[in-house]
Amino acid sequence: MPKAVFIFEFKINKTAEEAIAQIKSLQYHLRFAQKDSNGTIIGVSFDIENRCVGDWKTELV
């Protein structure tokens, strides 16, 4: 997928929404965006107590 950009932010015991908010506030998606590319930001929350992914969220940018 040469024209696709995926930006991940991982959080432990926080929400996927907080991960997405960090990507947006620090403008990671703008730094790595390429002209004529499709961008997706992905926030992932790990639940350390249950040792698994708690939730995840994606947004197109």
Protein backbone atom coordinates (compact mmCIF):
# COMPACT_ATOMS: atom_id res chain seq x y z
CA MET A 1 0.00 0.00 0.00
CA PRO A 2 2.45 2.68 -1.15
CA LYS A 3 -0.05 5.55 -0.83
CA ALA A 4 -1.26 4.70 2.68
CA VAL A 5 0.02 6.11 5.97
CA PHE A 6 -0.89 4.50 9.30
CA ILE A 7 -0.07 6.29 12.55
CA PHE A 8 -0.41 4.26 15.76
CA GLU A 9 -0.45 5.48 19.35
CA PHE A 10 -0.46 2.90 22.13
CA LYS A 11 -1.63 3.54 25.68
CA ILE A 12 -1.56 1.37 28.78
CA ASN A 13 -4.60 1.57 31.07
CA LYS A 14 -5.89 4.62 29.20
CA THR A 15 -8.48 4.91 26.47
CA ALA A 16 -8.12 4.69 22.73
CA GLU A 17 -9.71 8.16 22.65
CA GLU A 18 -6.75 9.51 24.65
CA ALA A 19 -4.37 7.94 22.15
CA ILE A 20 -6.21 9.56 19.22
CA ALA A 21 -6.22 12.89 21.07
CA GLN A 22 -2.43 12.70 21.50
CA ILE A 23 -1.89 12.03 17.80
CA LYS A 24 -4.01 15.06 16.96
CA SER A 25 -2.58 17.39 19.62
CA LEU A 26 1.03 16.63 18.64
CA GLN A 27 0.07 16.60 14.94
CA TYR A 28 1.81 13.32 14.21
CA HIS A 29 -0.57 12.76 11.31
CA LEU A 30 0.61 15.99 9.66
CA ARG A 31 4.30 15.20 10.10
CA PHE A 32 4.08 11.87 8.34
CA ALA A 33 1.39 12.65 5.81
CA GLN A 34 2.44 12.46 2.21
CA LYS A 35 0.89 14.30 -0.66
CA ASP A 36 -1.66 12.13 -2.47
CA SER A 37 -1.74 9.56 0.32
CA ASN A 38 -4.53 8.18 2.48
CA GLY A 39 -3.97 8.54 6.20
CA THR A 40 -5.39 6.55 9.08
CA ILE A 41 -4.75 7.25 12.74
CA ILE A 42 -5.15 4.37 15.15
CA GLY A 43 -5.41 4.58 18.92
CA VAL A 44 -4.89 1.36 20.86
CA SER A 45 -5.46 0.85 24.57
CA PHE A 46 -3.86 -2.07 26.41
CA ASP A 47 -5.51 -3.40 29.54
CA ILE A 48 -2.57 -4.49 31.67
CA GLU A 49 -4.74 -6.24 34.26
CA ASN A 50 -6.39 -8.51 31.67
CA ARG A 51 -3.26 -8.60 29.50
CA CYS A 52 -5.03 -7.78 26.26
CA VAL A 53 -6.15 -4.95 24.02
CA GLY A 54 -8.82 -3.01 25.88
CA ASP A 55 -10.13 -1.03 22.95
CA TRP A 56 -9.04 0.59 19.71
CA LYS A 57 -10.30 3.32 17.47
CA THR A 58 -9.46 4.45 13.94
CA GLU A 59 -10.05 7.69 12.08
CA LEU A 60 -9.34 8.67 8.52
CA VAL A 61 -7.34 11.86 8.07
